[in-house]
Amino acid sequence: MNYNTAVQPQPTSTQIEMAKRLEFALSTRNLDLVESAVSEAYSALHEIYVPTLIALAEAPWHQRHEDVVHALQILRSPKAISALEQATFSRHEYLAYDNNYALARKCTWALADIGTREAHGALTRIAECSDPTIAAYAKKRLDNWQREVHRKGHG
């Protein structure tokens, strides 16, 4: 994973088109389009996708939450903090088999990689939750906050 936090250049025409595809998939609630648009977005992630990725992180009707959260982790946008905190506690029927809460774990990593005071605060609140597994994920990220400073997008 690239931890370079350089400011991204203006989006390319391909990235703008991809942003439109993500928005269309979201607005039509088309599961197949979400599947393909999220997959294709990985080829050229850009901050232009953040608002739509946030909306997809909050949307209960698709099955790509882990990929959406991972994309937000890579982009490290502070705009995603609230959505990631909420997604940590979201429950989706398609993930009912997962007693280890992989989505919650990915959310805590994404928050840690954003690296702002607000992200730290979100992790602190998560660490105080009543679910010991989820709380432990957040506590680990908080415990490793300084050791992982090279990963953080915003200090």
Protein backbone atom coordinates (compact mmCIF):
# COMPACT_ATOMS: atom_id res chain seq x y z
CA MET A 1 0.00 0.00 0.00
CA ASN A 2 1.25 3.46 -0.86
CA TYR A 3 1.37 5.76 2.15
CA ASN A 4 2.44 8.81 0.17
CA THR A 5 0.22 11.71 1.21
CA ALA A 6 1.05 14.08 -1.64
CA VAL A 7 -1.83 16.23 -2.83
CA GLN A 8 -3.53 14.56 -5.73
CA PRO A 9 -3.53 16.33 -9.08
CA GLN A 10 -6.73 17.30 -10.80
CA PRO A 11 -8.75 14.21 -11.73
CA THR A 12 -8.23 12.78 -15.17
CA SER A 13 -11.09 12.41 -17.61
CA THR A 14 -11.14 8.71 -16.75
CA GLN A 15 -11.42 9.47 -13.03
CA ILE A 16 -14.22 11.96 -13.69
CA GLU A 17 -16.06 9.34 -15.73
CA MET A 18 -15.49 6.79 -12.97
CA ALA A 19 -16.89 9.24 -10.40
CA LYS A 20 -20.01 9.57 -12.56
CA ARG A 21 -20.33 5.77 -12.73
CA LEU A 22 -20.05 5.49 -8.95
CA GLU A 23 -22.67 8.23 -8.51
CA PHE A 24 -25.01 6.55 -11.00
CA ALA A 25 -24.61 3.17 -9.28
CA LEU A 26 -25.44 4.81 -5.96
CA SER A 27 -28.41 6.80 -7.25
CA THR A 28 -29.96 3.80 -9.02
CA ARG A 29 -29.14 1.36 -6.19
CA ASN A 30 -27.94 -1.05 -8.84
CA LEU A 31 -26.00 -3.87 -7.15
CA ASP A 32 -24.19 -4.95 -10.31
CA LEU A 33 -23.14 -1.39 -11.09
CA VAL A 34 -21.89 -0.85 -7.54
CA GLU A 35 -19.90 -4.07 -7.83
CA SER A 36 -18.23 -3.07 -11.09
CA ALA A 37 -17.83 0.64 -10.33
CA VAL A 38 -16.15 0.04 -6.97
CA SER A 39 -13.84 -2.55 -8.53
CA GLU A 40 -12.92 -0.24 -11.40
CA ALA A 41 -12.39 2.73 -9.08
CA TYR A 42 -9.45 0.90 -7.51
CA SER A 43 -7.49 1.23 -10.73
CA ALA A 44 -7.26 5.00 -10.29
CA LEU A 45 -8.42 6.12 -6.85
CA HIS A 46 -8.90 9.86 -6.47
CA GLU A 47 -10.38 12.09 -3.81
CA ILE A 48 -13.14 13.02 -6.25
CA TYR A 49 -14.73 9.67 -5.28
CA VAL A 50 -14.88 10.41 -1.55
CA PRO A 51 -18.44 11.79 -1.30
CA THR A 52 -19.88 8.82 -3.20
CA LEU A 53 -17.76 6.33 -1.29
CA ILE A 54 -19.00 7.85 1.97
CA ALA A 55 -22.59 7.46 0.80
CA LEU A 56 -21.88 3.86 -0.20
CA ALA A 57 -20.29 3.16 3.19
CA GLU A 58 -23.56 4.29 4.78
CA ALA A 59 -25.87 2.53 2.30
CA PRO A 60 -27.24 -0.79 3.62
CA TRP A 61 -28.46 -2.23 0.31
CA HIS A 62 -25.22 -3.39 -1.39
CA GLN A 63 -22.48 -5.91 -0.59
CA ARG A 64 -19.26 -3.99 -1.17
CA HIS A 65 -18.83 -2.29 2.21
CA GLU A 66 -15.39 -3.75 2.89
CA ASP A 67 -14.09 -2.59 -0.49
CA VAL A 68 -15.61 0.86 -0.01
CA VAL A 69 -13.99 1.19 3.42
CA HIS A 70 -10.66 0.03 2.02
CA ALA A 71 -10.85 2.66 -0.72
CA LEU A 72 -11.57 5.30 1.93
CA GLN A 73 -8.59 3.99 3.91
CA ILE A 74 -6.31 4.44 0.91
CA LEU A 75 -7.66 7.93 0.21
CA ARG A 76 -7.36 8.92 3.91
CA SER A 77 -9.95 11.69 3.67
CA PRO A 78 -10.97 13.33 6.95
CA LYS A 79 -14.41 13.79 5.37
CA ALA A 80 -14.99 10.05 5.87
CA ILE A 81 -14.47 9.96 9.65
CA SER A 82 -18.12 10.05 10.68
CA ALA A 83 -19.16 7.50 8.05
CA LEU A 84 -16.34 5.16 9.07
CA GLU A 85 -17.26 5.43 12.73
CA GLN A 86 -20.87 4.58 11.89
CA ALA A 87 -19.87 1.77 9.52
CA THR A 88 -17.86 0.22 12.34
CA PHE A 89 -21.13 -0.67 14.04
CA SER A 90 -23.23 -1.42 10.96
CA ARG A 91 -24.58 -4.92 10.55
CA HIS A 92 -25.30 -6.37 7.15
CA GLU A 93 -27.09 -9.63 6.55
CA TYR A 94 -24.52 -10.73 3.98
CA LEU A 95 -21.83 -10.44 6.69
CA ALA A 96 -23.80 -12.29 9.37
CA TYR A 97 -21.36 -15.22 9.21
CA ASP A 98 -18.44 -13.00 10.26
CA ASN A 99 -18.10 -13.21 14.04
CA ASN A 100 -14.73 -11.45 13.81
CA TYR A 101 -16.23 -8.21 12.44
CA ALA A 102 -13.84 -7.74 9.51
CA LEU A 103 -15.72 -4.64 8.39
CA ALA A 104 -15.32 -3.05 11.82
CA ARG A 105 -11.63 -3.92 11.82
CA LYS A 106 -11.19 -2.30 8.39
CA CYS A 107 -12.99 0.81 9.64
CA THR A 108 -10.60 1.14 12.57
CA TRP A 109 -7.62 0.82 10.23
CA ALA A 110 -9.09 3.46 7.93
CA LEU A 111 -9.62 5.85 10.84
CA ALA A 112 -6.08 5.26 12.08
CA ASP A 113 -4.67 5.90 8.60
CA ILE A 114 -6.59 9.18 8.29
CA GLY A 115 -4.60 10.20 11.34
CA THR A 116 -6.37 13.40 12.45
CA ARG A 117 -7.35 14.36 15.96
CA GLU A 118 -10.97 13.73 14.92
CA ALA A 119 -10.10 10.24 13.69
CA HIS A 120 -8.32 9.59 16.99
CA GLY A 121 -11.47 10.73 18.80
CA ALA A 122 -13.61 8.36 16.74
CA LEU A 123 -11.28 5.48 17.61
CA THR A 124 -11.44 6.46 21.27
CA ARG A 125 -15.25 6.30 21.20
CA ILE A 126 -15.14 2.94 19.41
CA ALA A 127 -12.65 1.63 21.99
CA GLU A 128 -15.23 2.41 24.68
CA CYS A 129 -18.03 0.42 23.02
CA SER A 130 -19.64 -2.58 24.69
CA ASP A 131 -18.51 -5.10 22.06
CA PRO A 132 -15.12 -6.41 23.25
CA THR A 133 -13.97 -7.50 19.78
CA ILE A 134 -14.69 -4.16 18.13
CA ALA A 135 -13.32 -2.24 21.12
CA ALA A 136 -10.10 -4.27 20.92
CA TYR A 137 -9.62 -3.36 17.25
CA ALA A 138 -9.87 0.33 18.09
CA LYS A 139 -7.65 0.00 21.17
CA LYS A 140 -4.95 -1.66 19.08
CA ARG A 141 -4.97 1.20 16.58
CA LEU A 142 -4.80 3.71 19.43
CA ASP A 143 -1.98 1.79 21.11
CA ASN A 144 -0.04 1.78 17.83
CA TRP A 145 -0.90 5.38 16.89
CA GLN A 146 2.68 6.69 17.16
CA ARG A 147 4.33 3.59 15.68
CA GLU A 148 2.06 3.89 12.62
CA VAL A 149 2.56 7.62 12.08
CA HIS A 150 4.17 6.91 8.68
CA ARG A 151 0.80 5.57 7.49
CA LYS A 152 -1.21 8.61 8.47
CA GLY A 153 -2.59 10.95 5.88
CA HIS A 154 -3.16 13.94 8.11
CA GLY A 155 -1.36 14.60 11.34
